[in-house]
Structure formats: structure tokens, C-alpha cells
Amino acid sequence: PVRSPSIKLTPQGWYQRATSLLGPHRAAVSWFLARGFGCAFVLAETLPLPRVVEYDADEVEALVYAVEAFQTTVTAGGRPDPAAFDAHLSQLASALKVDEVVAAVRRTGAKGSDEERHHGPSIASVVLLAHGALHAVPIHALRCADGIRVSEVFPAGASYTPSLELLARAQAAAATLATLPRRAVVVQNPTNDLDGADQEAQHLQS
């Protein structure tokens, strides 16, 4: 179920400070998995409290199994069969309730919604905060029921952060770096087994 919980977040004002980092056009999804229970919290500046997608004990067990099966495939050596890889991604999308999570995010700023009528802008991008075993899952690449990947649902795509605190630090650092001369260090295929890495490096250097 998707709901807005009637809970008080502590310390006082944490949620407001957290969502202020996102701005009006960006939402975040933060997962938490425990034994027998799990949640995906949808945070946005337009929401007074986070929306929650819950996972019961059976759903958490199915999710952990899907993650382990995916990890076994990608770490088996060699290139996985594309059909098997897609099957694992589909299993992960179902176990993670991607459609429910994406729907909860989109409702924070969907056209014609109460949120937009009162708060205005729609959600252009989403920040993903994985937890535990989910760090090994390419959540942005999972497909919704309509076949669209999570990263394609939002015009500005999807990104990851380990925590909102680190996101705040990164944004502060980016603001400082924006005032400095632009320089970059490109690490070009150090292990010599990354397809397309040479082309990407050359593109960045051009």
C-alpha cells in the first residue's frame, strides 16, 4: 500500500531540511530493508510528509531472493545471456514494486493533481537511495509495466546518492567548483576490459 504516514520525524525539522536539498522539481526515494519488513520512502518538497510503499515479510524475502539471483548471474564470469539478464531485471522490478514507487513519485507533481494545483511544478528527476543489498541493483534500469525504464520516466533522469547528507555536501562542493576553472581527470579503461570506455574518455577530452 502507498500512504502518507502520520508520524513525527526526529529531530524536528529534519524532513523539511532534507527535502529543501531536492528543490521543487526533484524527488527522492529512500529504501530501508529489515528482517520481515521494508519500506520505500518518497520524499519531495511538495509533500508535508513522505509517502511510503511498504514490503511485508514475504515481499522482503522475495526481494532478497531476486537480488541474490541477480548478483549470482552478474558475478558468474563472462557476459550473461541478455534474455536471462532481462528476466532478472523484470523479477527485480516486480519484487521492488517499481510501478507503485514510480506512481508515488509522479503523484507528487502530476499535472492536474492536488499537489500541482497547490504547489506548482512537476517532478523532473528522482534521486535514489538504496539500502543494504539494493546497492547492487541498477534501480534506474528497471522497467515499469509499460516498458519504460525508471530513468526514462523523468525528463532529467535518475541519480544515486548514499545519503541526503552526502548529497548536501556534493551540492555545496559543486557550487564552489562552479566558480573555479574547469578541469577534469579522466581514468581511461585501466583494466582494459571496459567496452566503450576508450570512446567515452576521448569524447570527454574533446
Protein backbone atom coordinates (compact mmCIF):
# COMPACT_ATOMS: atom_id res chain seq x y z
CA PRO A 1 0.00 0.00 0.00
CA VAL A 2 1.02 3.59 -0.61
CA ARG A 3 0.17 6.05 2.12
CA SER A 4 1.26 9.22 3.87
CA PRO A 5 2.19 8.13 7.39
CA SER A 6 1.03 10.11 10.40
CA ILE A 7 4.43 10.07 12.07
CA LYS A 8 6.65 12.72 13.56
CA LEU A 9 10.18 12.71 12.19
CA THR A 10 13.01 13.47 14.57
CA PRO A 11 14.99 15.56 15.02
CA GLN A 12 12.37 18.25 14.48
CA GLY A 13 12.59 19.83 11.09
CA TRP A 14 14.78 17.09 9.57
CA TYR A 15 12.31 16.27 6.82
CA GLN A 16 11.94 19.89 5.77
CA ARG A 17 15.71 20.34 5.67
CA ALA A 18 16.11 17.11 3.70
CA THR A 19 13.53 17.99 1.07
CA SER A 20 14.88 21.53 0.71
CA LEU A 21 18.01 19.93 -0.75
CA LEU A 22 15.92 18.48 -3.54
CA GLY A 23 14.24 21.65 -4.70
CA PRO A 24 10.78 21.87 -6.27
CA HIS A 25 11.45 19.74 -9.36
CA ARG A 26 13.20 16.75 -7.80
CA ALA A 27 12.07 13.89 -5.55
CA ALA A 28 13.98 11.19 -3.70
CA VAL A 29 13.24 7.56 -2.94
CA SER A 30 14.97 6.05 0.08
CA TRP A 31 14.67 2.32 0.75
CA PHE A 32 15.00 0.61 4.10
CA LEU A 33 15.04 -3.18 4.45
CA ALA A 34 14.90 -5.11 7.71
CA ARG A 35 14.15 -8.72 8.57
CA GLY A 36 10.49 -9.21 7.80
CA PHE A 37 9.72 -5.62 6.85
CA GLY A 38 10.73 -2.97 4.36
CA CYS A 39 9.78 0.50 3.14
CA ALA A 40 10.42 2.86 0.28
CA PHE A 41 10.08 6.47 1.40
CA VAL A 42 9.19 9.05 -1.25
CA LEU A 43 10.43 12.50 -0.29
CA ALA A 44 9.64 15.75 -2.08
CA GLU A 45 9.43 19.42 -1.26
CA THR A 46 5.76 19.32 -2.25
CA LEU A 47 4.92 16.67 0.37
CA PRO A 48 4.41 17.63 4.04
CA LEU A 49 5.32 14.04 4.97
CA PRO A 50 6.93 11.25 2.93
CA ARG A 51 4.80 8.77 1.05
CA VAL A 52 5.55 5.16 1.93
CA VAL A 53 5.48 1.95 -0.09
CA GLU A 54 5.61 -1.00 2.28
CA TYR A 55 7.00 -4.52 1.86
CA ASP A 56 5.76 -7.29 4.15
CA ALA A 57 7.83 -10.29 5.28
CA ASP A 58 7.06 -12.39 2.20
CA GLU A 59 7.80 -9.47 -0.13
CA VAL A 60 11.12 -8.75 1.57
CA GLU A 61 12.06 -12.42 1.25
CA ALA A 62 11.15 -12.39 -2.46
CA LEU A 63 13.15 -9.18 -2.95
CA VAL A 64 16.25 -10.59 -1.24
CA TYR A 65 15.97 -13.75 -3.34
CA ALA A 66 15.69 -11.68 -6.54
CA VAL A 67 18.76 -9.62 -5.60
CA GLU A 68 20.81 -12.74 -4.81
CA ALA A 69 19.80 -14.37 -8.11
CA PHE A 70 20.78 -11.21 -9.99
CA GLN A 71 24.15 -11.00 -8.22
CA THR A 72 24.85 -14.66 -8.97
CA THR A 73 24.28 -14.03 -12.65
CA VAL A 74 26.40 -10.88 -12.96
CA THR A 75 29.31 -12.30 -10.95
CA ALA A 76 29.39 -15.69 -12.65
CA GLY A 77 32.07 -14.57 -15.12
CA GLY A 78 31.71 -13.77 -18.79
CA ARG A 79 28.80 -11.89 -20.28
CA PRO A 80 25.36 -13.01 -19.05
CA ASP A 81 22.78 -14.12 -21.55
CA PRO A 82 20.75 -11.00 -22.48
CA ALA A 83 17.44 -12.82 -22.10
CA ALA A 84 18.40 -14.14 -18.66
CA PHE A 85 19.66 -10.69 -17.64
CA ASP A 86 16.38 -9.06 -18.69
CA ALA A 87 14.46 -11.75 -16.82
CA HIS A 88 16.36 -10.91 -13.65
CA LEU A 89 15.65 -7.20 -14.10
CA SER A 90 11.95 -7.96 -14.56
CA GLN A 91 11.96 -10.06 -11.39
CA LEU A 92 13.67 -7.25 -9.50
CA ALA A 93 11.21 -4.66 -10.80
CA SER A 94 8.30 -6.76 -9.60
CA ALA A 95 9.85 -7.51 -6.21
CA LEU A 96 10.79 -3.87 -5.68
CA LYS A 97 7.27 -2.71 -6.62
CA VAL A 98 8.72 -0.29 -9.13
CA ASP A 99 5.32 0.66 -10.53
CA GLU A 100 3.98 1.60 -7.10
CA VAL A 101 7.11 3.54 -6.22
CA VAL A 102 7.17 5.44 -9.52
CA ALA A 103 3.46 6.19 -9.24
CA ALA A 104 4.02 7.59 -5.74
CA VAL A 105 6.79 9.84 -7.06
CA ARG A 106 4.81 11.02 -10.07
CA ARG A 107 1.81 11.92 -7.92
CA THR A 108 3.93 14.48 -6.07
CA GLY A 109 3.73 16.71 -9.13
CA ALA A 110 1.50 15.14 -11.78
CA LYS A 111 -0.45 17.57 -13.91
CA GLY A 112 -3.89 18.18 -12.53
CA SER A 113 -3.07 16.69 -9.12
CA ASP A 114 -3.85 18.44 -5.86
CA GLU A 115 -0.12 18.80 -5.27
CA GLU A 116 0.46 20.68 -8.51
CA ARG A 117 -2.58 22.88 -8.11
CA HIS A 118 -1.29 23.93 -4.70
CA HIS A 119 2.46 23.73 -5.21
CA GLY A 120 3.02 24.13 -8.94
CA PRO A 121 5.97 22.32 -10.54
CA SER A 122 6.13 18.69 -11.58
CA ILE A 123 8.94 16.24 -10.78
CA ALA A 124 11.71 16.32 -13.39
CA SER A 125 14.18 13.91 -11.78
CA VAL A 126 14.50 11.42 -8.95
CA VAL A 127 17.35 10.68 -6.53
CA LEU A 128 17.67 7.02 -5.49
CA LEU A 129 18.96 6.00 -2.06
CA ALA A 130 19.49 2.25 -1.95
CA HIS A 131 19.87 0.25 1.26
CA GLY A 132 21.71 -2.95 2.04
CA ALA A 133 21.60 -5.48 -0.79
CA LEU A 134 19.85 -2.95 -3.04
CA HIS A 135 23.19 -1.21 -3.61
CA ALA A 136 23.90 -3.99 -6.14
CA VAL A 137 20.70 -3.36 -8.09
CA PRO A 138 20.57 -1.00 -11.11
CA ILE A 139 17.28 0.50 -9.97
CA HIS A 140 17.38 3.18 -12.67
CA ALA A 141 17.39 0.45 -15.35
CA LEU A 142 14.35 -1.44 -14.08
CA ARG A 143 11.28 -1.24 -16.31
CA CYS A 144 7.80 -0.23 -15.31
CA ALA A 145 4.82 -2.23 -16.52
CA ASP A 146 4.61 -0.03 -19.64
CA GLY A 147 8.20 -0.96 -20.57
CA ILE A 148 9.72 2.41 -19.70
CA ARG A 149 12.82 2.36 -17.50
CA VAL A 150 12.80 4.28 -14.23
CA SER A 151 15.45 6.68 -15.55
CA GLU A 152 13.28 7.40 -18.61
CA VAL A 153 10.14 8.24 -16.64
CA PHE A 154 11.54 11.59 -15.55
CA PRO A 155 12.78 14.20 -18.07
CA ALA A 156 16.06 14.81 -16.22
CA GLY A 157 16.58 11.14 -15.40
CA ALA A 158 17.62 9.42 -12.17
CA SER A 159 20.71 9.68 -9.98
CA TYR A 160 22.06 7.99 -6.86
CA THR A 161 23.36 9.20 -3.52
CA PRO A 162 24.43 7.18 -0.46
CA SER A 163 22.65 9.64 1.82
CA LEU A 164 20.99 13.05 1.75
CA GLU A 165 23.81 14.40 3.92
CA LEU A 166 26.34 13.47 1.24
CA LEU A 167 24.05 14.95 -1.39
CA ALA A 168 24.10 18.23 0.52
CA ARG A 169 27.89 18.16 0.69
CA ALA A 170 28.17 17.33 -3.00
CA GLN A 171 25.86 20.18 -3.95
CA ALA A 172 27.84 22.61 -1.79
CA ALA A 173 31.08 21.42 -3.36
CA ALA A 174 29.59 21.73 -6.85
CA ALA A 175 28.58 25.31 -6.13
CA THR A 176 32.14 26.09 -5.09
CA LEU A 177 33.68 24.29 -8.07
CA ALA A 178 31.42 26.19 -10.44
CA THR A 179 33.40 29.32 -9.63
CA LEU A 180 36.76 27.69 -10.45
CA PRO A 181 38.42 26.94 -13.83
CA ARG A 182 37.04 23.73 -15.31
CA ARG A 183 39.46 20.82 -15.12
CA ALA A 184 39.00 17.06 -15.22
CA VAL A 185 40.93 13.86 -14.72
CA VAL A 186 39.83 11.01 -16.98
CA VAL A 187 40.72 7.43 -15.99
CA GLN A 188 40.64 5.57 -19.28
CA ASN A 189 39.97 1.84 -19.07
CA PRO A 190 42.68 0.91 -16.51
CA THR A 191 41.77 -2.79 -16.58
CA ASN A 192 41.44 -2.86 -20.38
CA ASP A 193 38.13 -4.76 -20.20
CA LEU A 194 35.55 -1.96 -20.26
CA ASP A 195 33.70 -1.86 -23.56
CA GLY A 196 33.30 1.67 -24.90
CA ALA A 197 35.42 3.26 -22.15
CA ASP A 198 38.08 4.48 -24.60
CA GLN A 199 35.47 6.18 -26.76
CA GLU A 200 33.87 7.80 -23.71
CA ALA A 201 37.21 9.12 -22.49
CA GLN A 202 38.06 10.54 -25.91
CA HIS A 203 34.66 12.22 -26.06
CA LEU A 204 35.21 13.86 -22.64
CA GLN A 205 38.64 15.09 -23.69
CA SER A 206 37.39 16.60 -26.95
